[in-house]
Amino acid sequence: MKGCIIIPYRDREEHLTIFLKKFNKLKLGLKIVVVEQFDDKLFNRGKLLNLGFKFNEDCDYFIFHDIDMIPFKNIDYSYSSEICHMARKVEQFNYKMLYETYFGGVTLFPKNKFMQLNGFSNNYWGWGQEDDNLYQRCQIIKLPISHRNIYYKSLKHKHNYISEIFQENVKKSEIFNSNPDLMFKDGLNSLSDYILINHTVLSDYTLIQIKNN
């Protein structure tokens, strides 16, 4: 099975260096793809991950991976036929679940099941809610979620939380929860309004740079 780690990225050069050094040592045999948002708009994690999937559909499974989470114990990035939440033991959360339905950080999807969900929503800009929306998609079509107790160190960074933007995202989630059919209209099948600036295969990873229109 061919696996692919997809990293949503912007302005984290130090973190990227640490991440690549760690995964080079692990020698997991996985393709690493960094999808960089190359504009000054609010960060759109879900859209970047959808684009990373779109440009690597030759892979069998995908691990969507925040760059500030570095695995150090019980490391298992092998294929799973089920959706798997991997970041349940994270240093910044005192190695406990942030909340019962937390589905962020690091998640594994077999290709077919990510396509069943129509991927992430493309409509969440700024911090928060895109991973909760993905969890809801799993619930709507009753796809089970397994987990692995991998331990992650947390790299320090400035948080981009903006209260007003977060509340806008919460409202989007409320609308979605009242209209679950939206998942079939917003996701992999609605990727648009972007320009592919660069797609380069480097020695350690593949770099995809995207600019939103």
N, C-alpha and C. Protein backbone atom coordinates (compact mmCIF):
# COMPACT_ATOMS: atom_id res chain seq x y z
N MET A 1 0.84 -1.20 0.00
CA MET A 1 0.00 0.00 0.00
C MET A 1 0.88 1.26 0.00
N LYS A 2 0.55 2.17 -0.89
CA LYS A 2 1.32 3.41 -0.99
C LYS A 2 0.68 4.49 -0.13
N GLY A 3 1.43 4.99 0.85
CA GLY A 3 0.91 5.99 1.77
C GLY A 3 1.49 7.37 1.52
N CYS A 4 0.74 8.39 1.88
CA CYS A 4 1.13 9.77 1.62
C CYS A 4 0.80 10.64 2.83
N ILE A 5 1.80 11.32 3.36
CA ILE A 5 1.59 12.31 4.42
C ILE A 5 1.39 13.67 3.77
N ILE A 6 0.29 14.32 4.07
CA ILE A 6 0.01 15.64 3.51
C ILE A 6 0.01 16.68 4.63
N ILE A 7 0.80 17.73 4.44
CA ILE A 7 0.99 18.75 5.47
C ILE A 7 0.48 20.09 4.96
N PRO A 8 -0.51 20.69 5.62
CA PRO A 8 -0.91 22.05 5.26
C PRO A 8 0.11 23.04 5.85
N TYR A 9 0.52 24.02 5.07
CA TYR A 9 1.73 24.75 5.48
C TYR A 9 1.67 26.23 5.09
N ARG A 10 2.23 27.04 6.01
CA ARG A 10 2.56 28.43 5.70
C ARG A 10 3.43 29.00 6.82
N ASP A 11 4.56 29.58 6.46
CA ASP A 11 5.43 30.32 7.39
C ASP A 11 5.87 29.50 8.60
N ARG A 12 6.26 28.26 8.38
CA ARG A 12 6.75 27.43 9.48
C ARG A 12 8.05 26.72 9.07
N GLU A 13 9.00 27.47 8.56
CA GLU A 13 10.22 26.87 8.02
C GLU A 13 10.98 26.06 9.07
N GLU A 14 11.08 26.59 10.28
CA GLU A 14 11.80 25.88 11.35
C GLU A 14 11.10 24.56 11.67
N HIS A 15 9.77 24.60 11.74
CA HIS A 15 9.01 23.38 12.01
C HIS A 15 9.19 22.36 10.90
N LEU A 16 9.18 22.83 9.66
CA LEU A 16 9.33 21.92 8.52
C LEU A 16 10.68 21.21 8.58
N THR A 17 11.73 21.93 8.95
CA THR A 17 13.06 21.33 9.07
C THR A 17 13.06 20.23 10.12
N ILE A 18 12.45 20.49 11.26
CA ILE A 18 12.39 19.49 12.34
C ILE A 18 11.56 18.29 11.91
N PHE A 19 10.44 18.55 11.27
CA PHE A 19 9.54 17.49 10.82
C PHE A 19 10.25 16.57 9.83
N LEU A 20 10.88 17.14 8.83
CA LEU A 20 11.55 16.33 7.81
C LEU A 20 12.71 15.54 8.38
N LYS A 21 13.45 16.13 9.31
CA LYS A 21 14.57 15.42 9.94
C LYS A 21 14.07 14.20 10.69
N LYS A 22 12.94 14.36 11.41
CA LYS A 22 12.37 13.24 12.16
C LYS A 22 11.91 12.13 11.23
N PHE A 23 11.20 12.48 10.19
CA PHE A 23 10.64 11.45 9.32
C PHE A 23 11.69 10.81 8.42
N ASN A 24 12.76 11.52 8.13
CA ASN A 24 13.87 10.90 7.42
C ASN A 24 14.52 9.81 8.26
N LYS A 25 14.61 10.06 9.57
CA LYS A 25 15.17 9.07 10.49
C LYS A 25 14.26 7.85 10.61
N LEU A 26 12.96 8.09 10.60
CA LEU A 26 12.00 6.99 10.79
C LEU A 26 11.98 6.04 9.58
N LYS A 27 12.25 6.56 8.39
CA LYS A 27 12.28 5.76 7.16
C LYS A 27 11.02 4.90 7.02
N LEU A 28 9.88 5.57 7.01
CA LEU A 28 8.59 4.88 6.95
C LEU A 28 8.19 4.52 5.52
N GLY A 29 8.91 5.04 4.55
CA GLY A 29 8.59 4.73 3.16
C GLY A 29 7.35 5.44 2.65
N LEU A 30 6.99 6.54 3.28
CA LEU A 30 5.80 7.30 2.89
C LEU A 30 6.19 8.53 2.08
N LYS A 31 5.36 8.86 1.13
CA LYS A 31 5.54 10.09 0.38
C LYS A 31 5.13 11.26 1.26
N ILE A 32 5.94 12.30 1.31
CA ILE A 32 5.62 13.50 2.09
C ILE A 32 5.32 14.65 1.15
N VAL A 33 4.15 15.25 1.32
CA VAL A 33 3.71 16.34 0.45
C VAL A 33 3.40 17.56 1.32
N VAL A 34 4.04 18.66 1.04
CA VAL A 34 3.78 19.92 1.74
C VAL A 34 2.96 20.81 0.81
N VAL A 35 1.76 21.18 1.26
CA VAL A 35 0.90 22.05 0.46
C VAL A 35 0.91 23.43 1.11
N GLU A 36 1.54 24.37 0.44
CA GLU A 36 1.74 25.71 0.99
C GLU A 36 0.72 26.69 0.44
N GLN A 37 0.08 27.42 1.36
CA GLN A 37 -0.82 28.50 0.95
C GLN A 37 0.03 29.74 0.72
N PHE A 38 0.16 30.12 -0.55
CA PHE A 38 1.11 31.15 -0.96
C PHE A 38 0.37 32.47 -1.23
N ASP A 39 -0.37 32.92 -0.22
CA ASP A 39 -1.06 34.20 -0.32
C ASP A 39 -1.24 34.74 1.09
N ASP A 40 -1.86 35.93 1.20
CA ASP A 40 -2.01 36.55 2.52
C ASP A 40 -3.44 36.46 3.05
N LYS A 41 -4.24 35.57 2.47
CA LYS A 41 -5.59 35.37 2.97
C LYS A 41 -5.56 34.50 4.22
N LEU A 42 -6.69 34.45 4.94
CA LEU A 42 -6.77 33.57 6.10
C LEU A 42 -6.44 32.14 5.68
N PHE A 43 -5.77 31.42 6.58
CA PHE A 43 -5.34 30.05 6.29
C PHE A 43 -6.57 29.15 6.13
N ASN A 44 -6.51 28.27 5.13
CA ASN A 44 -7.61 27.35 4.88
C ASN A 44 -7.07 25.92 4.88
N ARG A 45 -7.01 25.33 6.07
CA ARG A 45 -6.41 24.01 6.25
C ARG A 45 -7.13 22.94 5.44
N GLY A 46 -8.45 22.94 5.48
CA GLY A 46 -9.23 21.92 4.79
C GLY A 46 -9.00 21.95 3.29
N LYS A 47 -9.00 23.12 2.71
CA LYS A 47 -8.81 23.25 1.26
C LYS A 47 -7.42 22.78 0.85
N LEU A 48 -6.40 23.13 1.64
CA LEU A 48 -5.04 22.69 1.33
C LEU A 48 -4.93 21.17 1.36
N LEU A 49 -5.58 20.54 2.32
CA LEU A 49 -5.52 19.08 2.41
C LEU A 49 -6.28 18.43 1.27
N ASN A 50 -7.40 19.01 0.88
CA ASN A 50 -8.12 18.50 -0.30
C ASN A 50 -7.25 18.58 -1.55
N LEU A 51 -6.53 19.68 -1.70
CA LEU A 51 -5.67 19.85 -2.87
C LEU A 51 -4.51 18.86 -2.83
N GLY A 52 -3.96 18.63 -1.64
CA GLY A 52 -2.91 17.63 -1.51
C GLY A 52 -3.38 16.26 -1.94
N PHE A 53 -4.61 15.93 -1.58
CA PHE A 53 -5.21 14.66 -2.00
C PHE A 53 -5.38 14.64 -3.53
N LYS A 54 -5.92 15.70 -4.06
CA LYS A 54 -6.22 15.77 -5.49
C LYS A 54 -4.97 15.53 -6.34
N PHE A 55 -3.84 16.07 -5.92
CA PHE A 55 -2.61 15.96 -6.70
C PHE A 55 -1.83 14.67 -6.41
N ASN A 56 -2.39 13.79 -5.57
CA ASN A 56 -1.69 12.55 -5.22
C ASN A 56 -2.64 11.36 -5.16
N GLU A 57 -3.59 11.31 -6.05
CA GLU A 57 -4.59 10.26 -6.02
C GLU A 57 -4.07 8.89 -6.42
N ASP A 58 -2.79 8.81 -6.77
CA ASP A 58 -2.20 7.51 -7.05
C ASP A 58 -1.86 6.76 -5.76
N CYS A 59 -1.99 7.42 -4.62
CA CYS A 59 -1.71 6.78 -3.33
C CYS A 59 -2.94 6.03 -2.81
N ASP A 60 -2.70 5.07 -1.91
CA ASP A 60 -3.77 4.23 -1.38
C ASP A 60 -4.35 4.75 -0.08
N TYR A 61 -3.51 5.45 0.70
CA TYR A 61 -4.02 6.03 1.94
C TYR A 61 -3.27 7.32 2.25
N PHE A 62 -3.93 8.16 3.04
CA PHE A 62 -3.45 9.52 3.27
C PHE A 62 -3.44 9.81 4.76
N ILE A 63 -2.36 10.43 5.22
CA ILE A 63 -2.27 10.88 6.60
C ILE A 63 -2.18 12.40 6.57
N PHE A 64 -3.23 13.05 7.05
CA PHE A 64 -3.29 14.51 7.08
C PHE A 64 -2.66 14.95 8.40
N HIS A 65 -1.58 15.73 8.31
CA HIS A 65 -0.66 15.87 9.44
C HIS A 65 -0.30 17.32 9.70
N ASP A 66 -0.66 17.85 10.88
CA ASP A 66 -0.20 19.18 11.28
C ASP A 66 1.31 19.14 11.49
N ILE A 67 1.97 20.21 11.11
CA ILE A 67 3.43 20.23 11.11
C ILE A 67 4.03 20.38 12.50
N ASP A 68 3.23 20.82 13.47
CA ASP A 68 3.76 21.04 14.81
C ASP A 68 3.63 19.83 15.72
N MET A 69 3.23 18.68 15.17
CA MET A 69 3.10 17.45 15.96
C MET A 69 4.16 16.45 15.49
N ILE A 70 5.08 16.11 16.38
CA ILE A 70 6.21 15.24 16.06
C ILE A 70 6.09 13.93 16.85
N PRO A 71 5.89 12.79 16.19
CA PRO A 71 5.70 11.53 16.91
C PRO A 71 6.98 11.06 17.58
N PHE A 72 6.85 10.45 18.78
CA PHE A 72 8.05 9.97 19.46
C PHE A 72 7.86 8.63 20.16
N LYS A 73 6.63 8.13 20.24
CA LYS A 73 6.39 6.86 20.94
C LYS A 73 5.19 6.15 20.30
N ASN A 74 5.25 4.82 20.24
CA ASN A 74 4.19 4.00 19.63
C ASN A 74 3.91 4.41 18.19
N ILE A 75 4.96 4.72 17.45
CA ILE A 75 4.80 5.25 16.10
C ILE A 75 4.33 4.17 15.14
N ASP A 76 3.17 4.39 14.56
CA ASP A 76 2.59 3.43 13.60
C ASP A 76 1.86 4.22 12.52
N TYR A 77 2.48 4.30 11.35
CA TYR A 77 1.90 5.02 10.23
C TYR A 77 1.54 4.07 9.09
N SER A 78 1.27 2.83 9.44
CA SER A 78 0.94 1.82 8.45
C SER A 78 -0.50 1.96 7.98
N TYR A 79 -0.82 1.27 6.90
CA TYR A 79 -2.16 1.32 6.31
C TYR A 79 -3.23 0.82 7.28
N SER A 80 -4.38 1.43 7.21
CA SER A 80 -5.56 0.96 7.92
C SER A 80 -6.73 0.99 6.95
N SER A 81 -7.56 -0.03 7.00
CA SER A 81 -8.75 -0.04 6.14
C SER A 81 -9.85 0.84 6.71
N GLU A 82 -9.66 1.29 7.95
CA GLU A 82 -10.62 2.19 8.59
C GLU A 82 -10.01 3.58 8.74
N ILE A 83 -10.87 4.57 8.86
CA ILE A 83 -10.42 5.91 9.23
C ILE A 83 -9.80 5.83 10.62
N CYS A 84 -8.71 6.53 10.83
CA CYS A 84 -8.00 6.41 12.11
C CYS A 84 -7.57 7.78 12.62
N HIS A 85 -7.94 8.09 13.86
CA HIS A 85 -7.44 9.30 14.50
C HIS A 85 -6.19 8.93 15.27
N MET A 86 -5.09 9.59 14.93
CA MET A 86 -3.79 9.20 15.47
C MET A 86 -3.28 10.13 16.58
N ALA A 87 -3.72 11.38 16.61
CA ALA A 87 -3.19 12.37 17.55
C ALA A 87 -4.05 12.45 18.81
N ARG A 88 -4.06 11.38 19.58
CA ARG A 88 -4.84 11.35 20.82
C ARG A 88 -3.96 11.54 22.06
N LYS A 89 -2.65 11.52 21.88
CA LYS A 89 -1.71 11.68 22.99
C LYS A 89 -0.71 12.78 22.60
N VAL A 90 -1.13 14.03 22.80
CA VAL A 90 -0.35 15.17 22.33
C VAL A 90 0.13 16.00 23.52
N GLU A 91 1.39 16.38 23.50
CA GLU A 91 2.02 17.09 24.61
C GLU A 91 1.24 18.34 25.01
N GLN A 92 0.83 19.16 24.03
CA GLN A 92 0.18 20.43 24.38
C GLN A 92 -1.19 20.23 25.04
N PHE A 93 -1.76 19.03 24.91
CA PHE A 93 -3.02 18.70 25.56
C PHE A 93 -2.81 17.76 26.75
N ASN A 94 -1.57 17.73 27.26
CA ASN A 94 -1.22 16.87 28.40
C ASN A 94 -1.50 15.39 28.12
N TYR A 95 -1.34 15.02 26.86
CA TYR A 95 -1.50 13.63 26.40
C TYR A 95 -2.90 13.07 26.67
N LYS A 96 -3.87 13.97 26.66
CA LYS A 96 -5.28 13.59 26.82
C LYS A 96 -6.07 14.14 25.64
N MET A 97 -7.24 13.57 25.41
CA MET A 97 -8.10 14.08 24.35
C MET A 97 -8.55 15.49 24.71
N LEU A 98 -8.45 16.40 23.75
CA LEU A 98 -8.84 17.78 23.98
C LEU A 98 -10.32 17.86 24.33
N TYR A 99 -11.15 17.09 23.63
CA TYR A 99 -12.55 16.87 23.96
C TYR A 99 -12.95 15.55 23.31
N GLU A 100 -14.09 15.02 23.69
CA GLU A 100 -14.45 13.64 23.34
C GLU A 100 -14.43 13.38 21.84
N THR A 101 -14.86 14.34 21.04
CA THR A 101 -14.95 14.13 19.59
C THR A 101 -13.81 14.83 18.84
N TYR A 102 -12.75 15.17 19.54
CA TYR A 102 -11.60 15.83 18.90
C TYR A 102 -11.09 14.96 17.75
N PHE A 103 -10.90 15.58 16.58
CA PHE A 103 -10.53 14.82 15.38
C PHE A 103 -9.46 15.57 14.58
N GLY A 104 -8.65 16.35 15.30
CA GLY A 104 -7.65 17.16 14.63
C GLY A 104 -6.25 16.59 14.74
N GLY A 105 -5.29 17.35 14.22
CA GLY A 105 -3.88 17.01 14.38
C GLY A 105 -3.34 16.07 13.34
N VAL A 106 -3.65 14.79 13.51
CA VAL A 106 -3.16 13.75 12.59
C VAL A 106 -4.27 12.72 12.39
N THR A 107 -4.71 12.55 11.15
CA THR A 107 -5.76 11.58 10.84
C THR A 107 -5.38 10.78 9.60
N LEU A 108 -5.76 9.52 9.58
CA LEU A 108 -5.46 8.62 8.46
C LEU A 108 -6.76 8.24 7.75
N PHE A 109 -6.72 8.30 6.43
CA PHE A 109 -7.89 7.94 5.62
C PHE A 109 -7.49 7.02 4.47
N PRO A 110 -8.12 5.85 4.35
CA PRO A 110 -7.99 5.12 3.09
C PRO A 110 -8.59 5.98 1.99
N LYS A 111 -8.05 5.89 0.80
CA LYS A 111 -8.47 6.74 -0.30
C LYS A 111 -9.98 6.69 -0.53
N ASN A 112 -10.54 5.48 -0.57
CA ASN A 112 -11.96 5.35 -0.92
C ASN A 112 -12.86 6.01 0.12
N LYS A 113 -12.47 5.96 1.39
CA LYS A 113 -13.33 6.52 2.43
C LYS A 113 -13.24 8.05 2.46
N PHE A 114 -12.07 8.59 2.14
CA PHE A 114 -11.97 10.05 2.05
C PHE A 114 -12.84 10.56 0.91
N MET A 115 -12.88 9.80 -0.17
CA MET A 115 -13.72 10.18 -1.31
C MET A 115 -15.20 10.05 -0.96
N GLN A 116 -15.56 9.04 -0.17
CA GLN A 116 -16.95 8.90 0.26
C GLN A 116 -17.41 10.12 1.03
N LEU A 117 -16.51 10.71 1.81
CA LEU A 117 -16.83 11.88 2.62
C LEU A 117 -16.82 13.18 1.82
N ASN A 118 -16.36 13.09 0.56
CA ASN A 118 -16.14 14.28 -0.27
C ASN A 118 -15.09 15.19 0.35
N GLY A 119 -14.16 14.58 1.11
CA GLY A 119 -13.05 15.31 1.69
C GLY A 119 -13.48 16.30 2.76
N PHE A 120 -12.62 17.29 2.97
CA PHE A 120 -12.89 18.38 3.90
C PHE A 120 -13.81 19.41 3.25
N SER A 121 -14.44 20.21 4.08
CA SER A 121 -15.10 21.41 3.57
C SER A 121 -14.03 22.40 3.12
N ASN A 122 -14.32 23.16 2.08
CA ASN A 122 -13.41 24.22 1.61
C ASN A 122 -13.77 25.58 2.18
N ASN A 123 -14.76 25.63 3.06
CA ASN A 123 -15.35 26.91 3.45
C ASN A 123 -14.91 27.43 4.82
N TYR A 124 -13.97 26.74 5.47
CA TYR A 124 -13.53 27.19 6.78
C TYR A 124 -12.20 27.94 6.66
N TRP A 125 -12.26 29.23 6.88
CA TRP A 125 -11.07 30.08 6.82
C TRP A 125 -10.66 30.49 8.23
N GLY A 126 -9.36 30.54 8.48
CA GLY A 126 -8.91 30.85 9.83
C GLY A 126 -8.93 29.62 10.70
N TRP A 127 -8.84 29.83 12.00
CA TRP A 127 -8.64 28.73 12.94
C TRP A 127 -9.97 28.08 13.34
N GLY A 128 -10.02 26.75 13.26
CA GLY A 128 -11.07 26.00 13.90
C GLY A 128 -12.21 25.51 13.05
N GLN A 129 -12.75 24.35 13.45
CA GLN A 129 -14.00 23.76 12.98
C GLN A 129 -13.89 22.86 11.74
N GLU A 130 -12.86 22.99 10.92
CA GLU A 130 -12.80 22.14 9.73
C GLU A 130 -12.65 20.67 10.09
N ASP A 131 -11.94 20.37 11.19
CA ASP A 131 -11.79 18.97 11.61
C ASP A 131 -13.07 18.46 12.27
N ASP A 132 -13.78 19.33 12.98
CA ASP A 132 -15.07 18.94 13.55
C ASP A 132 -16.08 18.65 12.45
N ASN A 133 -16.02 19.43 11.37
CA ASN A 133 -16.89 19.19 10.23
C ASN A 133 -16.60 17.84 9.60
N LEU A 134 -15.32 17.50 9.51
CA LEU A 134 -14.94 16.20 8.94
C LEU A 134 -15.44 15.05 9.82
N TYR A 135 -15.36 15.25 11.13
CA TYR A 135 -15.89 14.24 12.07
C TYR A 135 -17.39 14.05 11.84
N GLN A 136 -18.11 15.16 11.66
CA GLN A 136 -19.55 15.08 11.41
C GLN A 136 -19.85 14.33 10.12
N ARG A 137 -19.03 14.52 9.11
CA ARG A 137 -19.22 13.79 7.86
C ARG A 137 -19.11 12.28 8.09
N CYS A 138 -18.16 11.89 8.91
CA CYS A 138 -18.03 10.46 9.24
C CYS A 138 -19.28 9.94 9.93
N GLN A 139 -19.84 10.76 10.82
CA GLN A 139 -21.04 10.35 11.55
C GLN A 139 -22.25 10.25 10.62
N ILE A 140 -22.36 11.19 9.70
CA ILE A 140 -23.52 11.24 8.81
C ILE A 140 -23.64 9.98 7.98
N ILE A 141 -22.51 9.52 7.42
CA ILE A 141 -22.59 8.32 6.58
C ILE A 141 -22.08 7.07 7.31
N LYS A 142 -21.98 7.22 8.65
CA LYS A 142 -21.73 6.08 9.54
C LYS A 142 -20.45 5.31 9.20
N LEU A 143 -19.37 6.07 9.01
CA LEU A 143 -18.06 5.45 8.83
C LEU A 143 -17.36 5.37 10.18
N PRO A 144 -16.97 4.18 10.63
CA PRO A 144 -16.32 4.04 11.93
C PRO A 144 -14.95 4.69 11.97
N ILE A 145 -14.57 5.14 13.15
CA ILE A 145 -13.27 5.76 13.36
C ILE A 145 -12.50 4.95 14.40
N SER A 146 -11.35 4.43 14.02
CA SER A 146 -10.48 3.74 14.96
C SER A 146 -9.45 4.75 15.49
N HIS A 147 -8.54 4.30 16.33
CA HIS A 147 -7.52 5.22 16.83
C HIS A 147 -6.22 4.47 17.15
N ARG A 148 -5.15 5.22 17.21
CA ARG A 148 -3.86 4.71 17.64
C ARG A 148 -3.31 5.62 18.72
N ASN A 149 -2.68 5.07 19.71
CA ASN A 149 -2.15 5.86 20.82
C ASN A 149 -0.69 6.23 20.58
N ILE A 150 -0.48 6.97 19.50
CA ILE A 150 0.84 7.50 19.20
C ILE A 150 1.06 8.75 20.05
N TYR A 151 2.25 8.91 20.58
CA TYR A 151 2.56 10.09 21.39
C TYR A 151 3.26 11.14 20.52
N TYR A 152 2.86 12.40 20.70
CA TYR A 152 3.40 13.50 19.89
C TYR A 152 3.95 14.62 20.77
N LYS A 153 5.15 15.07 20.43
CA LYS A 153 5.66 16.31 20.99
C LYS A 153 5.04 17.48 20.24
N SER A 154 4.91 18.61 20.91
CA SER A 154 4.31 19.79 20.30
C SER A 154 5.36 20.87 20.08
N LEU A 155 5.49 21.34 18.86
CA LEU A 155 6.39 22.44 18.57
C LEU A 155 5.69 23.77 18.86
N LYS A 156 6.38 24.66 19.52
CA LYS A 156 5.78 25.93 19.91
C LYS A 156 5.59 26.83 18.69
N HIS A 157 4.47 27.53 18.68
CA HIS A 157 4.21 28.47 17.60
C HIS A 157 3.17 29.49 18.06
N LYS A 158 3.08 30.57 17.32
CA LYS A 158 2.08 31.59 17.60
C LYS A 158 0.72 31.11 17.12
N HIS A 159 -0.28 31.17 17.99
CA HIS A 159 -1.62 30.74 17.61
C HIS A 159 -2.36 31.86 16.89
N ASN A 160 -3.06 31.47 15.84
CA ASN A 160 -3.75 32.45 14.99
C ASN A 160 -5.24 32.52 15.28
N TYR A 161 -5.58 32.32 16.54
CA TYR A 161 -6.99 32.36 16.93
C TYR A 161 -7.52 33.79 16.88
N ILE A 162 -8.59 33.98 16.14
CA ILE A 162 -9.30 35.26 16.11
C ILE A 162 -10.76 34.95 16.45
N SER A 163 -11.23 35.51 17.55
CA SER A 163 -12.56 35.16 18.07
C SER A 163 -13.66 35.33 17.03
N GLU A 164 -13.65 36.46 16.33
CA GLU A 164 -14.72 36.73 15.37
C GLU A 164 -14.73 35.70 14.24
N ILE A 165 -13.55 35.33 13.76
CA ILE A 165 -13.44 34.35 12.68
C ILE A 165 -13.89 32.98 13.19
N PHE A 166 -13.47 32.62 14.39
CA PHE A 166 -13.88 31.33 14.95
C PHE A 166 -15.40 31.25 15.07
N GLN A 167 -16.04 32.34 15.52
CA GLN A 167 -17.50 32.33 15.66
C GLN A 167 -18.18 32.21 14.30
N GLU A 168 -17.59 32.80 13.28
CA GLU A 168 -18.13 32.63 11.92
C GLU A 168 -18.08 31.16 11.52
N ASN A 169 -16.97 30.49 11.85
CA ASN A 169 -16.83 29.07 11.53
C ASN A 169 -17.81 28.21 12.32
N VAL A 170 -18.06 28.58 13.56
CA VAL A 170 -19.05 27.87 14.37
C VAL A 170 -20.43 27.97 13.70
N LYS A 171 -20.78 29.16 13.20
CA LYS A 171 -22.06 29.34 12.52
C LYS A 171 -22.15 28.47 11.26
N LYS A 172 -21.03 28.37 10.53
CA LYS A 172 -21.00 27.51 9.35
C LYS A 172 -21.26 26.06 9.74
N SER A 173 -20.69 25.64 10.87
CA SER A 173 -20.91 24.27 11.34
C SER A 173 -22.36 24.05 11.74
N GLU A 174 -22.97 25.04 12.35
CA GLU A 174 -24.38 24.92 12.74
C GLU A 174 -25.27 24.78 11.50
N ILE A 175 -24.97 25.55 10.47
CA ILE A 175 -25.72 25.45 9.21
C ILE A 175 -25.53 24.07 8.60
N PHE A 176 -24.30 23.59 8.61
CA PHE A 176 -24.00 22.26 8.05
C PHE A 176 -24.74 21.16 8.81
N ASN A 177 -24.73 21.25 10.14
CA ASN A 177 -25.37 20.22 10.96
C ASN A 177 -26.87 20.17 10.73
N SER A 178 -27.45 21.29 10.32
CA SER A 178 -28.88 21.33 10.01
C SER A 178 -29.17 20.92 8.57
N ASN A 179 -28.11 20.89 7.75
CA ASN A 179 -28.27 20.54 6.33
C ASN A 179 -27.13 19.60 5.92
N PRO A 180 -27.14 18.36 6.41
CA PRO A 180 -26.01 17.45 6.17
C PRO A 180 -25.75 17.13 4.70
N ASP A 181 -26.74 17.33 3.83
CA ASP A 181 -26.51 17.08 2.41
C ASP A 181 -25.49 18.05 1.81
N LEU A 182 -25.15 19.10 2.56
CA LEU A 182 -24.13 20.04 2.09
C LEU A 182 -22.79 19.36 1.87
N MET A 183 -22.56 18.23 2.56
CA MET A 183 -21.28 17.55 2.41
C MET A 183 -21.05 17.04 0.99
N PHE A 184 -22.13 16.84 0.25
CA PHE A 184 -22.00 16.35 -1.12
C PHE A 184 -21.85 17.49 -2.13
N LYS A 185 -21.89 18.72 -1.63
CA LYS A 185 -21.75 19.90 -2.49
C LYS A 185 -20.48 20.71 -2.19
N ASP A 186 -19.89 20.45 -1.04
CA ASP A 186 -18.74 21.22 -0.58
C ASP A 186 -17.62 20.27 -0.18
N GLY A 187 -16.57 20.23 -1.00
CA GLY A 187 -15.46 19.34 -0.68
C GLY A 187 -14.59 19.09 -1.90
N LEU A 188 -14.20 17.84 -2.09
CA LEU A 188 -13.35 17.48 -3.22
C LEU A 188 -13.97 17.87 -4.56
N ASN A 189 -15.30 17.78 -4.63
CA ASN A 189 -15.97 18.05 -5.91
C ASN A 189 -16.24 19.53 -6.16
N SER A 190 -15.82 20.38 -5.23
CA SER A 190 -16.07 21.82 -5.42
C SER A 190 -14.79 22.65 -5.29
N LEU A 191 -13.63 22.00 -5.44
CA LEU A 191 -12.37 22.73 -5.37
C LEU A 191 -12.28 23.72 -6.53
N SER A 192 -12.09 24.98 -6.20
CA SER A 192 -12.03 26.03 -7.23
C SER A 192 -11.37 27.26 -6.64
N ASP A 193 -11.28 28.29 -7.44
CA ASP A 193 -10.74 29.59 -6.99
C ASP A 193 -9.34 29.48 -6.42
N TYR A 194 -8.48 28.75 -7.11
CA TYR A 194 -7.08 28.68 -6.71
C TYR A 194 -6.21 28.60 -7.96
N ILE A 195 -4.96 28.98 -7.77
CA ILE A 195 -3.97 28.88 -8.84
C ILE A 195 -2.83 28.01 -8.35
N LEU A 196 -2.43 27.02 -9.14
CA LEU A 196 -1.27 26.20 -8.81
C LEU A 196 -0.02 26.97 -9.25
N ILE A 197 0.77 27.39 -8.27
CA ILE A 197 1.96 28.18 -8.56
C ILE A 197 3.17 27.30 -8.82
N ASN A 198 3.28 26.21 -8.05
CA ASN A 198 4.48 25.38 -8.13
C ASN A 198 4.17 23.97 -7.69
N HIS A 199 4.73 23.00 -8.37
CA HIS A 199 4.60 21.59 -8.00
C HIS A 199 5.96 20.95 -8.28
N THR A 200 6.76 20.82 -7.23
CA THR A 200 8.15 20.41 -7.40
C THR A 200 8.47 19.21 -6.51
N VAL A 201 9.10 18.20 -7.09
CA VAL A 201 9.55 17.04 -6.32
C VAL A 201 10.98 17.31 -5.87
N LEU A 202 11.16 17.44 -4.55
CA LEU A 202 12.48 17.69 -3.96
C LEU A 202 13.03 16.38 -3.38
N SER A 203 14.20 16.43 -2.82
CA SER A 203 14.84 15.20 -2.33
C SER A 203 14.08 14.58 -1.16
N ASP A 204 13.53 15.41 -0.25
CA ASP A 204 12.88 14.91 0.96
C ASP A 204 11.36 14.93 0.89
N TYR A 205 10.81 15.75 0.00
CA TYR A 205 9.37 15.93 -0.03
C TYR A 205 8.95 16.54 -1.36
N THR A 206 7.65 16.55 -1.58
CA THR A 206 7.08 17.24 -2.74
C THR A 206 6.43 18.54 -2.26
N LEU A 207 6.73 19.63 -2.92
CA LEU A 207 6.19 20.93 -2.56
C LEU A 207 5.13 21.35 -3.57
N ILE A 208 3.93 21.65 -3.06
CA ILE A 208 2.86 22.19 -3.88
C ILE A 208 2.49 23.57 -3.31
N GLN A 209 2.60 24.59 -4.13
CA GLN A 209 2.26 25.94 -3.70
C GLN A 209 0.99 26.40 -4.39
N ILE A 210 0.07 26.90 -3.58
CA ILE A 210 -1.26 27.28 -4.03
C ILE A 210 -1.55 28.73 -3.67
N LYS A 211 -2.18 29.44 -4.59
CA LYS A 211 -2.65 30.80 -4.30
C LYS A 211 -4.14 30.84 -4.51
N ASN A 212 -4.87 31.34 -3.53
CA ASN A 212 -6.31 31.51 -3.65
C ASN A 212 -6.64 32.75 -4.44
N ASN A 213 -7.64 32.65 -5.32
CA ASN A 213 -8.08 33.81 -6.10
C ASN A 213 -8.86 34.78 -5.23
